[in-house]
Amino acid sequence: MLTQHLREMEEDGLVHREVYREVPPKVEYSLTEHGVSLNAALAALGDWGTERMRRIGAEKVLQAR
């Protein structure tokens, strides 16, 4: 599942995938400029969520399944 998400983010230009031809195989991912700009845009949303948790007194927000 992680590999699928990373490949999708690579296709969207958010991450760069560097493959090293060695044994054992090695792959490194890094954010592209586009990925860095998305990360900056999402920071405000993270701040909003943290403030909301503080305001309602939540220690942990459970994810819906």
C-alpha atoms as a PDB file:
ATOM      1  CA  MET A   1       0.000   0.000   0.000  1.00  0.00           C
ATOM      2  CA  LEU A   2       2.823   2.394   0.851  1.00  0.00           C
ATOM      3  CA  THR A   3       4.538   1.680  -2.462  1.00  0.00           C
ATOM      4  CA  GLN A   4       1.287   2.379  -4.316  1.00  0.00           C
ATOM      5  CA  HIS A   5       0.900   5.754  -2.584  1.00  0.00           C
ATOM      6  CA  LEU A   6       4.519   6.681  -3.249  1.00  0.00           C
ATOM      7  CA  ARG A   7       4.155   5.785  -6.940  1.00  0.00           C
ATOM      8  CA  GLU A   8       0.997   7.917  -7.170  1.00  0.00           C
ATOM      9  CA  MET A   9       2.785  10.853  -5.536  1.00  0.00           C
ATOM     10  CA  GLU A  10       5.656  10.349  -7.985  1.00  0.00           C
ATOM     11  CA  GLU A  11       3.207  10.459 -10.905  1.00  0.00           C
ATOM     12  CA  ASP A  12       1.728  13.673  -9.475  1.00  0.00           C
ATOM     13  CA  GLY A  13       5.187  15.249  -9.263  1.00  0.00           C
ATOM     14  CA  LEU A  14       5.209  15.450  -5.463  1.00  0.00           C
ATOM     15  CA  VAL A  15       8.130  13.104  -4.825  1.00  0.00           C
ATOM     16  CA  HIS A  16      11.269  12.072  -6.688  1.00  0.00           C
ATOM     17  CA  ARG A  17      12.240   8.384  -6.675  1.00  0.00           C
ATOM     18  CA  GLU A  18      15.935   7.557  -6.890  1.00  0.00           C
ATOM     19  CA  VAL A  19      16.797   3.892  -7.535  1.00  0.00           C
ATOM     20  CA  TYR A  20      20.296   2.671  -6.669  1.00  0.00           C
ATOM     21  CA  ARG A  21      21.389  -0.445  -8.553  1.00  0.00           C
ATOM     22  CA  GLU A  22      23.025  -2.301  -5.699  1.00  0.00           C
ATOM     23  CA  VAL A  23      22.510  -5.414  -3.620  1.00  0.00           C
ATOM     24  CA  PRO A  24      20.335  -5.302  -1.645  1.00  0.00           C
ATOM     25  CA  PRO A  25      18.249  -2.917  -3.768  1.00  0.00           C
ATOM     26  CA  LYS A  26      17.960   0.624  -2.441  1.00  0.00           C
ATOM     27  CA  VAL A  27      15.364   3.300  -3.257  1.00  0.00           C
ATOM     28  CA  GLU A  28      15.208   6.816  -1.817  1.00  0.00           C
ATOM     29  CA  TYR A  29      12.328   9.269  -2.048  1.00  0.00           C
ATOM     30  CA  SER A  30      12.549  13.034  -1.671  1.00  0.00           C
ATOM     31  CA  LEU A  31      10.087  15.894  -2.016  1.00  0.00           C
ATOM     32  CA  THR A  32      10.114  17.875  -5.230  1.00  0.00           C
ATOM     33  CA  GLU A  33       9.573  21.652  -5.215  1.00  0.00           C
ATOM     34  CA  HIS A  34       5.907  20.921  -5.902  1.00  0.00           C
ATOM     35  CA  GLY A  35       5.808  18.567  -2.898  1.00  0.00           C
ATOM     36  CA  VAL A  36       7.431  21.163  -0.654  1.00  0.00           C
ATOM     37  CA  SER A  37       4.846  23.755  -1.725  1.00  0.00           C
ATOM     38  CA  LEU A  38       1.996  21.318  -0.953  1.00  0.00           C
ATOM     39  CA  ASN A  39       3.524  20.602   2.449  1.00  0.00           C
ATOM     40  CA  ALA A  40       3.600  24.345   3.190  1.00  0.00           C
ATOM     41  CA  ALA A  41      -0.037  24.698   2.097  1.00  0.00           C
ATOM     42  CA  LEU A  42      -1.125  21.827   4.355  1.00  0.00           C
ATOM     43  CA  ALA A  43       0.660  23.286   7.401  1.00  0.00           C
ATOM     44  CA  ALA A  44      -2.218  25.718   7.976  1.00  0.00           C
ATOM     45  CA  LEU A  45      -4.695  22.828   7.923  1.00  0.00           C
ATOM     46  CA  GLY A  46      -2.577  20.971  10.485  1.00  0.00           C
ATOM     47  CA  ASP A  47      -2.504  24.053  12.705  1.00  0.00           C
ATOM     48  CA  TRP A  48      -6.287  24.322  12.425  1.00  0.00           C
ATOM     49  CA  GLY A  49      -6.705  20.681  13.461  1.00  0.00           C
ATOM     50  CA  THR A  50      -4.354  21.067  16.424  1.00  0.00           C
ATOM     51  CA  GLU A  51      -6.246  24.147  17.604  1.00  0.00           C
ATOM     52  CA  ARG A  52      -9.576  22.368  17.221  1.00  0.00           C
ATOM     53  CA  MET A  53      -8.340  19.429  19.290  1.00  0.00           C
ATOM     54  CA  ARG A  54      -7.182  21.851  21.988  1.00  0.00           C
ATOM     55  CA  ARG A  55     -10.493  23.718  21.902  1.00  0.00           C
ATOM     56  CA  ILE A  56     -12.650  20.602  22.334  1.00  0.00           C
ATOM     57  CA  GLY A  57     -10.245  18.993  24.793  1.00  0.00           C
ATOM     58  CA  ALA A  58      -9.476  16.000  22.583  1.00  0.00           C
ATOM     59  CA  GLU A  59      -6.300  14.037  23.188  1.00  0.00           C
ATOM     60  CA  LYS A  60      -6.719  11.881  20.093  1.00  0.00           C
ATOM     61  CA  VAL A  61      -9.044  12.013  17.112  1.00  0.00           C
ATOM     62  CA  LEU A  62     -10.167   8.569  15.982  1.00  0.00           C
ATOM     63  CA  GLN A  63     -10.330   7.933  12.243  1.00  0.00           C
ATOM     64  CA  ALA A  64     -13.585   6.706  10.775  1.00  0.00           C
ATOM     65  CA  ARG A  65     -13.367   3.253   9.229  1.00  0.00           C
END
